[in-house]
C-alpha cells in the first residue's frame, strides 16, 4: 500500500518529467496516481500539463474543464486552462478566466495570473 508521502513523491517525479519534456513517463505516473486517488487534482493537473506542453490543447482543455466542473473551488485549474488557451492562440477566451482567478488574490498563482494577463491582453 502506498503511503501519502509515496504518492506525493510520485507526483513530484511526474511534474519533473513534464518539465523535462518526458511526457510518456509523466503520463504513466499521473495515470497511476489518478487510479490510486480518483478525483484528486494533482494527477489531473499533471496530465493536463503533459498535453498542453506538447500542443495537445484539446486533451488538456478537456481535463481542465472537467476539473473546474468537478471542483469549482480549485481555481488553479482555471489558471492552467487560461495558459492552455493562450498557447492555443485563443487569448480572448483566456482573459475571463484570468480575471476570475485574479479576484482571489492567491499567493500560490497570483504572479502567474499577472504574467498570463499580460500575455493575453
PDB file of N, CA and C in Angstrom:
ATOM      1  N   UNK A   1       0.841  -1.180   0.000  1.00  0.00           N
ATOM      2  CA  UNK A   1       0.000   0.000   0.000  1.00  0.00           C
ATOM      3  C   UNK A   1       0.888   1.245   0.000  1.00  0.00           C
ATOM      4  N   UNK A   2       0.547   2.180  -0.851  1.00  0.00           N
ATOM      5  CA  UNK A   2       1.304   3.423  -0.930  1.00  0.00           C
ATOM      6  C   UNK A   2       0.887   4.371   0.187  1.00  0.00           C
ATOM      7  N   UNK A   3       1.892   4.952   0.800  1.00  0.00           N
ATOM      8  CA  UNK A   3       1.623   5.965   1.826  1.00  0.00           C
ATOM      9  C   UNK A   3       1.454   7.317   1.148  1.00  0.00           C
ATOM     10  N   UNK A   4       0.899   8.266   1.890  1.00  0.00           N
ATOM     11  CA  UNK A   4       0.686   9.623   1.370  1.00  0.00           C
ATOM     12  C   UNK A   4       1.998  10.221   0.868  1.00  0.00           C
ATOM     13  N   UNK A   5       3.079  10.021   1.613  1.00  0.00           N
ATOM     14  CA  UNK A   5       4.388  10.557   1.213  1.00  0.00           C
ATOM     15  C   UNK A   5       4.862   9.937  -0.102  1.00  0.00           C
ATOM     16  N   UNK A   6       4.568   8.655  -0.301  1.00  0.00           N
ATOM     17  CA  UNK A   6       4.925   7.992  -1.558  1.00  0.00           C
ATOM     18  C   UNK A   6       4.160   8.603  -2.729  1.00  0.00           C
ATOM     19  N   UNK A   7       2.886   8.856  -2.519  1.00  0.00           N
ATOM     20  CA  UNK A   7       2.066   9.471  -3.568  1.00  0.00           C
ATOM     21  C   UNK A   7       2.569  10.866  -3.908  1.00  0.00           C
ATOM     22  N   UNK A   8       2.944  11.614  -2.886  1.00  0.00           N
ATOM     23  CA  UNK A   8       3.472  12.961  -3.113  1.00  0.00           C
ATOM     24  C   UNK A   8       4.789  12.901  -3.885  1.00  0.00           C
ATOM     25  N   UNK A   9       5.640  11.971  -3.533  1.00  0.00           N
ATOM     26  CA  UNK A   9       6.916  11.817  -4.241  1.00  0.00           C
ATOM     27  C   UNK A   9       6.684  11.451  -5.705  1.00  0.00           C
ATOM     28  N   UNK A  10       5.753  10.543  -5.948  1.00  0.00           N
ATOM     29  CA  UNK A  10       5.437  10.178  -7.327  1.00  0.00           C
ATOM     30  C   UNK A  10       4.901  11.374  -8.116  1.00  0.00           C
ATOM     31  N   UNK A  11       4.039  12.167  -7.486  1.00  0.00           N
ATOM     32  CA  UNK A  11       3.519  13.362  -8.157  1.00  0.00           C
ATOM     33  C   UNK A  11       4.659  14.312  -8.508  1.00  0.00           C
ATOM     34  N   UNK A  12       5.581  14.506  -7.581  1.00  0.00           N
ATOM     35  CA  UNK A  12       6.726  15.382  -7.840  1.00  0.00           C
ATOM     36  C   UNK A  12       7.559  14.854  -9.002  1.00  0.00           C
ATOM     37  N   UNK A  13       7.770  13.539  -9.045  1.00  0.00           N
ATOM     38  CA  UNK A  13       8.501  12.939 -10.161  1.00  0.00           C
ATOM     39  C   UNK A  13       7.756  13.156 -11.480  1.00  0.00           C
ATOM     40  N   UNK A  14       6.436  13.045 -11.442  1.00  0.00           N
ATOM     41  CA  UNK A  14       5.644  13.284 -12.647  1.00  0.00           C
ATOM     42  C   UNK A  14       5.776  14.714 -13.141  1.00  0.00           C
ATOM     43  N   UNK A  15       5.713  15.674 -12.214  1.00  0.00           N
ATOM     44  CA  UNK A  15       5.860  17.077 -12.615  1.00  0.00           C
ATOM     45  C   UNK A  15       7.273  17.356 -13.127  1.00  0.00           C
ATOM     46  N   UNK A  16       8.270  16.723 -12.536  1.00  0.00           N
ATOM     47  CA  UNK A  16       9.652  16.862 -13.040  1.00  0.00           C
ATOM     48  C   UNK A  16       9.748  16.316 -14.461  1.00  0.00           C
ATOM     49  N   UNK A  17       9.124  15.162 -14.690  1.00  0.00           N
ATOM     50  CA  UNK A  17       9.149  14.574 -16.029  1.00  0.00           C
ATOM     51  C   UNK A  17       8.510  15.504 -17.049  1.00  0.00           C
ATOM     52  N   UNK A  18       7.382  16.128 -16.689  1.00  0.00           N
ATOM     53  CA  UNK A  18       6.734  17.088 -17.596  1.00  0.00           C
ATOM     54  C   UNK A  18       7.684  18.235 -17.892  1.00  0.00           C
ATOM     55  N   UNK A  19       8.308  18.783 -16.851  1.00  0.00           N
ATOM     56  CA  UNK A  19       9.180  19.945 -17.053  1.00  0.00           C
ATOM     57  C   UNK A  19      10.404  19.594 -17.894  1.00  0.00           C
ATOM     58  N   UNK A  20      10.781  18.319 -17.909  1.00  0.00           N
ATOM     59  CA  UNK A  20      11.930  17.888 -18.710  1.00  0.00           C
ATOM     60  C   UNK A  20      11.521  17.409 -20.101  1.00  0.00           C
ATOM     61  N   UNK A  21      10.208  17.443 -20.379  1.00  0.00           N
ATOM     62  CA  UNK A  21       9.716  17.046 -21.696  1.00  0.00           C
ATOM     63  C   UNK A  21       9.531  15.551 -21.868  1.00  0.00           C
ATOM     64  N   UNK A  22       9.533  14.809 -20.780  1.00  0.00           N
ATOM     65  CA  UNK A  22       9.349  13.356 -20.834  1.00  0.00           C
ATOM     66  C   UNK A  22       7.884  13.021 -20.564  1.00  0.00           C
ATOM     67  N   UNK A  23       7.062  13.220 -21.587  1.00  0.00           N
ATOM     68  CA  UNK A  23       5.620  13.130 -21.393  1.00  0.00           C
ATOM     69  C   UNK A  23       5.126  11.705 -21.183  1.00  0.00           C
ATOM     70  N   UNK A  24       5.706  10.725 -21.843  1.00  0.00           N
ATOM     71  CA  UNK A  24       5.223   9.353 -21.671  1.00  0.00           C
ATOM     72  C   UNK A  24       5.414   8.867 -20.229  1.00  0.00           C
ATOM     73  N   UNK A  25       6.616   9.012 -19.642  1.00  0.00           N
ATOM     74  CA  UNK A  25       6.737   8.611 -18.231  1.00  0.00           C
ATOM     75  C   UNK A  25       5.851   9.457 -17.308  1.00  0.00           C
ATOM     76  N   UNK A  26       5.723  10.740 -17.605  1.00  0.00           N
ATOM     77  CA  UNK A  26       4.875  11.606 -16.783  1.00  0.00           C
ATOM     78  C   UNK A  26       3.438  11.112 -16.817  1.00  0.00           C
ATOM     79  N   UNK A  27       2.943  10.790 -17.992  1.00  0.00           N
ATOM     80  CA  UNK A  27       1.560  10.330 -18.109  1.00  0.00           C
ATOM     81  C   UNK A  27       1.356   8.986 -17.418  1.00  0.00           C
ATOM     82  N   UNK A  28       2.365   8.128 -17.490  1.00  0.00           N
ATOM     83  CA  UNK A  28       2.280   6.842 -16.787  1.00  0.00           C
ATOM     84  C   UNK A  28       2.136   7.070 -15.289  1.00  0.00           C
ATOM     85  N   UNK A  29       2.956   7.963 -14.765  1.00  0.00           N
ATOM     86  CA  UNK A  29       2.901   8.279 -13.327  1.00  0.00           C
ATOM     87  C   UNK A  29       1.562   8.891 -12.965  1.00  0.00           C
ATOM     88  N   UNK A  30       1.120   9.893 -13.728  1.00  0.00           N
ATOM     89  CA  UNK A  30      -0.119  10.585 -13.391  1.00  0.00           C
ATOM     90  C   UNK A  30      -1.348   9.698 -13.569  1.00  0.00           C
ATOM     91  N   UNK A  31      -1.332   8.826 -14.563  1.00  0.00           N
ATOM     92  CA  UNK A  31      -2.453   7.889 -14.716  1.00  0.00           C
ATOM     93  C   UNK A  31      -2.526   6.922 -13.541  1.00  0.00           C
ATOM     94  N   UNK A  32      -1.373   6.459 -13.074  1.00  0.00           N
ATOM     95  CA  UNK A  32      -1.340   5.576 -11.910  1.00  0.00           C
ATOM     96  C   UNK A  32      -1.838   6.311 -10.666  1.00  0.00           C
ATOM     97  N   UNK A  33      -1.396   7.541 -10.497  1.00  0.00           N
ATOM     98  CA  UNK A  33      -1.854   8.328  -9.345  1.00  0.00           C
ATOM     99  C   UNK A  33      -3.353   8.604  -9.411  1.00  0.00           C
ATOM    100  N   UNK A  34      -3.849   8.874 -10.612  1.00  0.00           N
ATOM    101  CA  UNK A  34      -5.289   9.119 -10.775  1.00  0.00           C
ATOM    102  C   UNK A  34      -6.092   7.866 -10.432  1.00  0.00           C
ATOM    103  N   UNK A  35      -5.551   6.704 -10.753  1.00  0.00           N
ATOM    104  CA  UNK A  35      -6.229   5.457 -10.397  1.00  0.00           C
ATOM    105  C   UNK A  35      -6.184   5.224  -8.888  1.00  0.00           C
ATOM    106  N   UNK A  36      -5.062   5.586  -8.261  1.00  0.00           N
ATOM    107  CA  UNK A  36      -4.916   5.403  -6.819  1.00  0.00           C
ATOM    108  C   UNK A  36      -5.730   6.411  -6.029  1.00  0.00           C
ATOM    109  N   UNK A  37      -5.885   7.599  -6.579  1.00  0.00           N
ATOM    110  CA  UNK A  37      -6.617   8.680  -5.911  1.00  0.00           C
ATOM    111  C   UNK A  37      -7.622   9.312  -6.866  1.00  0.00           C
ATOM    112  N   UNK A  38      -8.691   8.620  -7.172  1.00  0.00           N
ATOM    113  CA  UNK A  38      -9.687   9.180  -8.099  1.00  0.00           C
ATOM    114  C   UNK A  38     -10.197  10.535  -7.612  1.00  0.00           C
ATOM    115  N   UNK A  39     -10.252  11.466  -8.542  1.00  0.00           N
ATOM    116  CA  UNK A  39     -10.769  12.794  -8.224  1.00  0.00           C
ATOM    117  C   UNK A  39      -9.759  13.752  -7.628  1.00  0.00           C
ATOM    118  N   UNK A  40      -8.568  13.274  -7.298  1.00  0.00           N
ATOM    119  CA  UNK A  40      -7.548  14.173  -6.737  1.00  0.00           C
ATOM    120  C   UNK A  40      -7.034  15.082  -7.853  1.00  0.00           C
ATOM    121  N   UNK A  41      -6.821  16.346  -7.515  1.00  0.00           N
ATOM    122  CA  UNK A  41      -6.464  17.338  -8.532  1.00  0.00           C
ATOM    123  C   UNK A  41      -5.060  17.163  -9.106  1.00  0.00           C
ATOM    124  N   UNK A  42      -4.081  16.793  -8.295  1.00  0.00           N
ATOM    125  CA  UNK A  42      -2.685  16.792  -8.746  1.00  0.00           C
ATOM    126  C   UNK A  42      -2.437  15.913  -9.973  1.00  0.00           C
ATOM    127  N   UNK A  43      -2.869  14.653  -9.987  1.00  0.00           N
ATOM    128  CA  UNK A  43      -2.594  13.869 -11.185  1.00  0.00           C
ATOM    129  C   UNK A  43      -3.303  14.399 -12.423  1.00  0.00           C
ATOM    130  N   UNK A  44      -4.495  14.955 -12.241  1.00  0.00           N
ATOM    131  CA  UNK A  44      -5.211  15.512 -13.388  1.00  0.00           C
ATOM    132  C   UNK A  44      -4.517  16.770 -13.914  1.00  0.00           C
ATOM    133  N   UNK A  45      -4.015  17.595 -12.994  1.00  0.00           N
ATOM    134  CA  UNK A  45      -3.250  18.777 -13.427  1.00  0.00           C
ATOM    135  C   UNK A  45      -2.008  18.336 -14.197  1.00  0.00           C
ATOM    136  N   UNK A  46      -1.315  17.326 -13.670  1.00  0.00           N
ATOM    137  CA  UNK A  46      -0.126  16.817 -14.347  1.00  0.00           C
ATOM    138  C   UNK A  46      -0.434  16.287 -15.729  1.00  0.00           C
ATOM    139  N   UNK A  47      -1.524  15.542 -15.844  1.00  0.00           N
ATOM    140  CA  UNK A  47      -1.922  15.036 -17.168  1.00  0.00           C
ATOM    141  C   UNK A  47      -2.224  16.189 -18.118  1.00  0.00           C
ATOM    142  N   UNK A  48      -2.965  17.181 -17.631  1.00  0.00           N
ATOM    143  CA  UNK A  48      -3.279  18.333 -18.486  1.00  0.00           C
ATOM    144  C   UNK A  48      -2.005  19.025 -18.946  1.00  0.00           C
ATOM    145  N   UNK A  49      -1.081  19.231 -18.015  1.00  0.00           N
ATOM    146  CA  UNK A  49       0.184  19.884 -18.379  1.00  0.00           C
ATOM    147  C   UNK A  49       0.953  19.060 -19.403  1.00  0.00           C
ATOM    148  N   UNK A  50       0.919  17.735 -19.249  1.00  0.00           N
ATOM    149  CA  UNK A  50       1.648  16.877 -20.191  1.00  0.00           C
ATOM    150  C   UNK A  50       1.061  16.976 -21.593  1.00  0.00           C
ATOM    151  N   UNK A  51      -0.171  17.435 -21.694  1.00  0.00           N
ATOM    152  CA  UNK A  51      -0.781  17.628 -23.015  1.00  0.00           C
ATOM    153  C   UNK A  51      -0.511  19.017 -23.561  1.00  0.00           C
ATOM    154  N   UNK A  52      -0.767  20.065 -22.776  1.00  0.00           N
ATOM    155  CA  UNK A  52      -0.597  21.392 -23.372  1.00  0.00           C
ATOM    156  C   UNK A  52       0.858  21.741 -23.622  1.00  0.00           C
ATOM    157  N   UNK A  53       1.773  21.083 -22.930  1.00  0.00           N
ATOM    158  CA  UNK A  53       3.200  21.351 -23.156  1.00  0.00           C
ATOM    159  C   UNK A  53       3.671  20.841 -24.522  1.00  0.00           C
ATOM    160  N   UNK A  54       2.914  19.928 -25.132  1.00  0.00           N
ATOM    161  CA  UNK A  54       3.266  19.409 -26.449  1.00  0.00           C
ATOM    162  C   UNK A  54       2.164  19.710 -27.473  1.00  0.00           C
ATOM    163  N   UNK A  55       1.480  20.820 -27.250  1.00  0.00           N
ATOM    164  CA  UNK A  55       0.477  21.330 -28.188  1.00  0.00           C
ATOM    165  C   UNK A  55      -0.726  20.410 -28.390  1.00  0.00           C
ATOM    166  N   UNK A  56      -1.028  19.583 -27.414  1.00  0.00           N
ATOM    167  CA  UNK A  56      -2.232  18.765 -27.447  1.00  0.00           C
ATOM    168  C   UNK A  56      -3.296  19.490 -26.621  1.00  0.00           C
ATOM    169  N   UNK A  57      -3.725  20.615 -27.170  1.00  0.00           N
ATOM    170  CA  UNK A  57      -4.567  21.543 -26.420  1.00  0.00           C
ATOM    171  C   UNK A  57      -5.958  21.001 -26.119  1.00  0.00           C
ATOM    172  N   UNK A  58      -6.553  20.284 -27.064  1.00  0.00           N
ATOM    173  CA  UNK A  58      -7.916  19.779 -26.838  1.00  0.00           C
ATOM    174  C   UNK A  58      -7.946  18.800 -25.663  1.00  0.00           C
ATOM    175  N   UNK A  59      -6.967  17.921 -25.577  1.00  0.00           N
ATOM    176  CA  UNK A  59      -6.915  16.956 -24.471  1.00  0.00           C
ATOM    177  C   UNK A  59      -6.722  17.679 -23.138  1.00  0.00           C
ATOM    178  N   UNK A  60      -5.831  18.648 -23.122  1.00  0.00           N
ATOM    179  CA  UNK A  60      -5.594  19.416 -21.896  1.00  0.00           C
ATOM    180  C   UNK A  60      -6.842  20.188 -21.495  1.00  0.00           C
ATOM    181  N   UNK A  61      -7.489  20.816 -22.463  1.00  0.00           N
ATOM    182  CA  UNK A  61      -8.687  21.596 -22.169  1.00  0.00           C
ATOM    183  C   UNK A  61      -9.784  20.712 -21.583  1.00  0.00           C
ATOM    184  N   UNK A  62      -9.951  19.526 -22.125  1.00  0.00           N
ATOM    185  CA  UNK A  62     -10.981  18.610 -21.612  1.00  0.00           C
ATOM    186  C   UNK A  62     -10.715  18.259 -20.139  1.00  0.00           C
ATOM    187  N   UNK A  63      -9.476  17.953 -19.818  1.00  0.00           N
ATOM    188  CA  UNK A  63      -9.116  17.611 -18.440  1.00  0.00           C
ATOM    189  C   UNK A  63      -9.353  18.806 -17.517  1.00  0.00           C
ATOM    190  N   UNK A  64      -8.894  19.976 -17.928  1.00  0.00           N
ATOM    191  CA  UNK A  64      -9.005  21.163 -17.080  1.00  0.00           C
ATOM    192  C   UNK A  64     -10.450  21.603 -16.899  1.00  0.00           C
ATOM    193  N   UNK A  65     -11.238  21.537 -17.941  1.00  0.00           N
ATOM    194  CA  UNK A  65     -12.657  21.893 -17.800  1.00  0.00           C
ATOM    195  C   UNK A  65     -13.367  20.894 -16.874  1.00  0.00           C
ATOM    196  N   UNK A  66     -12.981  19.629 -16.950  1.00  0.00           N
ATOM    197  CA  UNK A  66     -13.541  18.633 -16.043  1.00  0.00           C
ATOM    198  C   UNK A  66     -13.179  18.925 -14.597  1.00  0.00           C
ATOM    199  N   UNK A  67     -11.937  19.322 -14.377  1.00  0.00           N
ATOM    200  CA  UNK A  67     -11.510  19.703 -13.024  1.00  0.00           C
ATOM    201  C   UNK A  67     -12.307  20.890 -12.518  1.00  0.00           C
ATOM    202  N   UNK A  68     -12.494  21.872 -13.372  1.00  0.00           N
ATOM    203  CA  UNK A  68     -13.244  23.074 -12.985  1.00  0.00           C
ATOM    204  C   UNK A  68     -14.700  22.726 -12.674  1.00  0.00           C
ATOM    205  N   UNK A  69     -15.262  21.825 -13.451  1.00  0.00           N
ATOM    206  CA  UNK A  69     -16.660  21.419 -13.243  1.00  0.00           C
ATOM    207  C   UNK A  69     -16.792  20.633 -11.930  1.00  0.00           C
ATOM    208  N   UNK A  70     -15.869  19.704 -11.702  1.00  0.00           N
ATOM    209  CA  UNK A  70     -15.966  18.816 -10.549  1.00  0.00           C
ATOM    210  C   UNK A  70     -15.515  19.456  -9.238  1.00  0.00           C
ATOM    211  N   UNK A  71     -14.668  20.474  -9.337  1.00  0.00           N
ATOM    212  CA  UNK A  71     -14.171  21.146  -8.130  1.00  0.00           C
ATOM    213  C   UNK A  71     -14.066  22.645  -8.400  1.00  0.00           C
ATOM    214  N   UNK A  72     -15.180  23.369  -8.365  1.00  0.00           N
ATOM    215  CA  UNK A  72     -15.186  24.792  -8.698  1.00  0.00           C
ATOM    216  C   UNK A  72     -14.286  25.641  -7.806  1.00  0.00           C
ATOM    217  N   UNK A  73     -13.960  25.165  -6.620  1.00  0.00           N
ATOM    218  CA  UNK A  73     -13.092  25.927  -5.717  1.00  0.00           C
ATOM    219  C   UNK A  73     -11.606  25.774  -6.062  1.00  0.00           C
ATOM    220  N   UNK A  74     -11.276  24.853  -6.948  1.00  0.00           N
ATOM    221  CA  UNK A  74      -9.886  24.629  -7.334  1.00  0.00           C
ATOM    222  C   UNK A  74      -9.539  25.582  -8.481  1.00  0.00           C
ATOM    223  N   UNK A  75      -9.276  26.829  -8.114  1.00  0.00           N
ATOM    224  CA  UNK A  75      -9.086  27.903  -9.100  1.00  0.00           C
ATOM    225  C   UNK A  75      -7.839  27.714  -9.961  1.00  0.00           C
ATOM    226  N   UNK A  76      -6.867  26.960  -9.479  1.00  0.00           N
ATOM    227  CA  UNK A  76      -5.650  26.753 -10.257  1.00  0.00           C
ATOM    228  C   UNK A  76      -5.945  26.085 -11.603  1.00  0.00           C
ATOM    229  N   UNK A  77      -6.998  25.291 -11.662  1.00  0.00           N
ATOM    230  CA  UNK A  77      -7.379  24.665 -12.932  1.00  0.00           C
ATOM    231  C   UNK A  77      -7.741  25.729 -13.962  1.00  0.00           C
ATOM    232  N   UNK A  78      -8.448  26.775 -13.535  1.00  0.00           N
ATOM    233  CA  UNK A  78      -8.797  27.861 -14.446  1.00  0.00           C
ATOM    234  C   UNK A  78      -7.587  28.631 -14.929  1.00  0.00           C
ATOM    235  N   UNK A  79      -6.601  28.781 -14.066  1.00  0.00           N
ATOM    236  CA  UNK A  79      -5.364  29.467 -14.454  1.00  0.00           C
ATOM    237  C   UNK A  79      -4.632  28.648 -15.509  1.00  0.00           C
ATOM    238  N   UNK A  80      -4.549  27.350 -15.297  1.00  0.00           N
ATOM    239  CA  UNK A  80      -3.884  26.500 -16.285  1.00  0.00           C
ATOM    240  C   UNK A  80      -4.692  26.396 -17.577  1.00  0.00           C
ATOM    241  N   UNK A  81      -6.008  26.437 -17.466  1.00  0.00           N
ATOM    242  CA  UNK A  81      -6.820  26.466 -18.681  1.00  0.00           C
ATOM    243  C   UNK A  81      -6.536  27.745 -19.453  1.00  0.00           C
ATOM    244  N   UNK A  82      -6.410  28.853 -18.752  1.00  0.00           N
ATOM    245  CA  UNK A  82      -6.071  30.116 -19.427  1.00  0.00           C
ATOM    246  C   UNK A  82      -4.737  29.986 -20.154  1.00  0.00           C
ATOM    247  N   UNK A  83      -3.743  29.392 -19.509  1.00  0.00           N
ATOM    248  CA  UNK A  83      -2.445  29.196 -20.164  1.00  0.00           C
ATOM    249  C   UNK A  83      -2.606  28.318 -21.397  1.00  0.00           C
ATOM    250  N   UNK A  84      -3.361  27.249 -21.274  1.00  0.00           N
ATOM    251  CA  UNK A  84      -3.613  26.357 -22.407  1.00  0.00           C
ATOM    252  C   UNK A  84      -4.249  27.120 -23.568  1.00  0.00           C
ATOM    253  N   UNK A  85      -5.231  27.938 -23.258  1.00  0.00           N
ATOM    254  CA  UNK A  85      -5.917  28.709 -24.307  1.00  0.00           C
ATOM    255  C   UNK A  85      -4.979  29.724 -24.955  1.00  0.00           C
ATOM    256  N   UNK A  86      -4.131  30.364 -24.153  1.00  0.00           N
ATOM    257  CA  UNK A  86      -3.156  31.312 -24.711  1.00  0.00           C
ATOM    258  C   UNK A  86      -2.220  30.587 -25.660  1.00  0.00           C
ATOM    259  N   UNK A  87      -1.708  29.442 -25.230  1.00  0.00           N
ATOM    260  CA  UNK A  87      -0.788  28.669 -26.075  1.00  0.00           C
ATOM    261  C   UNK A  87      -1.466  28.203 -27.359  1.00  0.00           C
ATOM    262  N   UNK A  88      -2.779  27.970 -27.280  1.00  0.00           N
ATOM    263  CA  UNK A  88      -3.547  27.531 -28.447  1.00  0.00           C
ATOM    264  C   UNK A  88      -3.944  28.695 -29.350  1.00  0.00           C
ATOM    265  N   UNK A  89      -3.569  29.919 -28.963  1.00  0.00           N
ATOM    266  CA  UNK A  89      -3.904  31.089 -29.772  1.00  0.00           C
ATOM    267  C   UNK A  89      -5.311  31.611 -29.516  1.00  0.00           C
ATOM    268  N   UNK A  90      -5.892  31.265 -28.378  1.00  0.00           N
ATOM    269  CA  UNK A  90      -7.265  31.674 -28.046  1.00  0.00           C
ATOM    270  C   UNK A  90      -7.244  32.619 -26.847  1.00  0.00           C
ATOM    271  N   UNK A  91      -6.465  33.678 -26.977  1.00  0.00           N
ATOM    272  CA  UNK A  91      -6.245  34.621 -25.876  1.00  0.00           C
ATOM    273  C   UNK A  91      -7.534  35.240 -25.354  1.00  0.00           C
ATOM    274  N   UNK A  92      -8.453  35.563 -26.254  1.00  0.00           N
ATOM    275  CA  UNK A  92      -9.689  36.219 -25.833  1.00  0.00           C
ATOM    276  C   UNK A  92     -10.510  35.341 -24.895  1.00  0.00           C
ATOM    277  N   UNK A  93     -10.392  34.027 -25.028  1.00  0.00           N
ATOM    278  CA  UNK A  93     -11.097  33.113 -24.134  1.00  0.00           C
ATOM    279  C   UNK A  93     -10.396  32.990 -22.782  1.00  0.00           C
ATOM    280  N   UNK A  94      -9.114  33.301 -22.753  1.00  0.00           N
ATOM    281  CA  UNK A  94      -8.333  33.181 -21.524  1.00  0.00           C
ATOM    282  C   UNK A  94      -8.593  34.336 -20.557  1.00  0.00           C
ATOM    283  N   UNK A  95      -8.855  35.509 -21.075  1.00  0.00           N
ATOM    284  CA  UNK A  95      -8.984  36.695 -20.220  1.00  0.00           C
ATOM    285  C   UNK A  95     -10.054  36.584 -19.130  1.00  0.00           C
ATOM    286  N   UNK A  96     -11.264  36.103 -19.427  1.00  0.00           N
ATOM    287  CA  UNK A  96     -12.251  35.988 -18.342  1.00  0.00           C
ATOM    288  C   UNK A  96     -11.801  35.034 -17.230  1.00  0.00           C
ATOM    289  N   UNK A  97     -11.126  33.975 -17.606  1.00  0.00           N
ATOM    290  CA  UNK A  97     -10.608  33.034 -16.606  1.00  0.00           C
ATOM    291  C   UNK A  97      -9.570  33.710 -15.716  1.00  0.00           C
ATOM    292  N   UNK A  98      -8.721  34.524 -16.328  1.00  0.00           N
ATOM    293  CA  UNK A  98      -7.677  35.216 -15.579  1.00  0.00           C
ATOM    294  C   UNK A  98      -8.274  36.289 -14.678  1.00  0.00           C
ATOM    295  N   UNK A  99      -9.295  36.976 -15.171  1.00  0.00           N
ATOM    296  CA  UNK A  99      -9.963  37.988 -14.334  1.00  0.00           C
ATOM    297  C   UNK A  99     -10.566  37.329 -13.095  1.00  0.00           C
ATOM    298  N   UNK A 100     -11.204  36.205 -13.296  1.00  0.00           N
ATOM    299  CA  UNK A 100     -11.829  35.482 -12.182  1.00  0.00           C
ATOM    300  C   UNK A 100     -10.764  35.010 -11.188  1.00  0.00           C
ATOM    301  N   UNK A 101      -9.683  34.459 -11.681  1.00  0.00           N
ATOM    302  CA  UNK A 101      -8.610  33.993 -10.797  1.00  0.00           C
ATOM    303  C   UNK A 101      -7.957  35.159 -10.067  1.00  0.00           C
ATOM    304  N   UNK A 102      -7.841  36.299 -10.727  1.00  0.00           N
ATOM    305  CA  UNK A 102      -7.238  37.475 -10.110  1.00  0.00           C
ATOM    306  C   UNK A 102      -8.036  38.008  -8.941  1.00  0.00           C
ATOM    307  N   UNK A 103      -9.329  37.770  -8.931  1.00  0.00           N
ATOM    308  CA  UNK A 103     -10.175  38.219  -7.829  1.00  0.00           C
ATOM    309  C   UNK A 103      -9.817  37.525  -6.519  1.00  0.00           C
ATOM    310  N   UNK A 104      -9.239  36.351  -6.606  1.00  0.00           N
ATOM    311  CA  UNK A 104      -8.916  35.573  -5.404  1.00  0.00           C
ATOM    312  C   UNK A 104      -7.611  36.022  -4.751  1.00  0.00           C
ATOM    313  N   UNK A 105      -6.773  36.726  -5.487  1.00  0.00           N
ATOM    314  CA  UNK A 105      -5.513  37.234  -4.953  1.00  0.00           C
ATOM    315  C   UNK A 105      -4.760  36.143  -4.178  1.00  0.00           C
ATOM    316  N   UNK A 106      -4.609  34.999  -4.808  1.00  0.00           N
ATOM    317  CA  UNK A 106      -3.980  33.845  -4.182  1.00  0.00           C
ATOM    318  C   UNK A 106      -2.465  33.888  -4.379  1.00  0.00           C
ATOM    319  N   UNK A 107      -1.688  33.793  -3.300  1.00  0.00           N
ATOM    320  CA  UNK A 107      -0.230  33.839  -3.439  1.00  0.00           C
ATOM    321  C   UNK A 107       0.330  32.646  -4.207  1.00  0.00           C
ATOM    322  N   UNK A 108      -0.428  31.556  -4.267  1.00  0.00           N
ATOM    323  CA  UNK A 108       0.028  30.371  -4.988  1.00  0.00           C
ATOM    324  C   UNK A 108       0.201  30.644  -6.476  1.00  0.00           C
ATOM    325  N   UNK A 109      -0.719  31.414  -7.056  1.00  0.00           N
ATOM    326  CA  UNK A 109      -0.667  31.614  -8.501  1.00  0.00           C
ATOM    327  C   UNK A 109      -0.845  33.071  -8.919  1.00  0.00           C
ATOM    328  N   UNK A 110      -0.803  34.006  -7.978  1.00  0.00           N
ATOM    329  CA  UNK A 110      -1.016  35.413  -8.307  1.00  0.00           C
ATOM    330  C   UNK A 110      -0.054  35.952  -9.346  1.00  0.00           C
ATOM    331  N   UNK A 111       1.226  35.631  -9.211  1.00  0.00           N
ATOM    332  CA  UNK A 111       2.206  36.105 -10.192  1.00  0.00           C
ATOM    333  C   UNK A 111       1.959  35.497 -11.562  1.00  0.00           C
ATOM    334  N   UNK A 112       1.543  34.245 -11.583  1.00  0.00           N
ATOM    335  CA  UNK A 112       1.241  33.587 -12.852  1.00  0.00           C
ATOM    336  C   UNK A 112       0.052  34.258 -13.537  1.00  0.00           C
ATOM    337  N   UNK A 113      -0.963  34.607 -12.746  1.00  0.00           N
ATOM    338  CA  UNK A 113      -2.139  35.291 -13.303  1.00  0.00           C
ATOM    339  C   UNK A 113      -1.737  36.624 -13.909  1.00  0.00           C
ATOM    340  N   UNK A 114      -0.910  37.377 -13.202  1.00  0.00           N
ATOM    341  CA  UNK A 114      -0.469  38.689 -13.714  1.00  0.00           C
ATOM    342  C   UNK A 114       0.316  38.521 -15.016  1.00  0.00           C
ATOM    343  N   UNK A 115       1.206  37.561 -15.040  1.00  0.00           N
ATOM    344  CA  UNK A 115       2.024  37.332 -16.243  1.00  0.00           C
ATOM    345  C   UNK A 115       1.153  36.896 -17.413  1.00  0.00           C
ATOM    346  N   UNK A 116       0.241  35.972 -17.163  1.00  0.00           N
ATOM    347  CA  UNK A 116      -0.633  35.491 -18.243  1.00  0.00           C
ATOM    348  C   UNK A 116      -1.579  36.561 -18.723  1.00  0.00           C
ATOM    349  N   UNK A 117      -2.042  37.421 -17.826  1.00  0.00           N
ATOM    350  CA  UNK A 117      -2.917  38.520 -18.229  1.00  0.00           C
ATOM    351  C   UNK A 117      -2.176  39.435 -19.191  1.00  0.00           C
ATOM    352  N   UNK A 118      -0.914  39.692 -18.921  1.00  0.00           N
ATOM    353  CA  UNK A 118      -0.105  40.491 -19.832  1.00  0.00           C
ATOM    354  C   UNK A 118       0.046  39.835 -21.184  1.00  0.00           C
ATOM    355  N   UNK A 119       0.204  38.525 -21.214  1.00  0.00           N
ATOM    356  CA  UNK A 119       0.334  37.799 -22.485  1.00  0.00           C
ATOM    357  C   UNK A 119      -0.976  37.779 -23.273  1.00  0.00           C
ATOM    358  N   UNK A 120      -2.095  37.711 -22.547  1.00  0.00           N
ATOM    359  CA  UNK A 120      -3.395  37.586 -23.217  1.00  0.00           C
ATOM    360  C   UNK A 120      -3.949  38.933 -23.671  1.00  0.00           C
ATOM    361  N   UNK A 121      -3.467  40.019 -23.099  1.00  0.00           N
ATOM    362  CA  UNK A 121      -4.015  41.346 -23.416  1.00  0.00           C
ATOM    363  C   UNK A 121      -3.486  41.893 -24.720  1.00  0.00           C
TER     364      UNK A 121
END
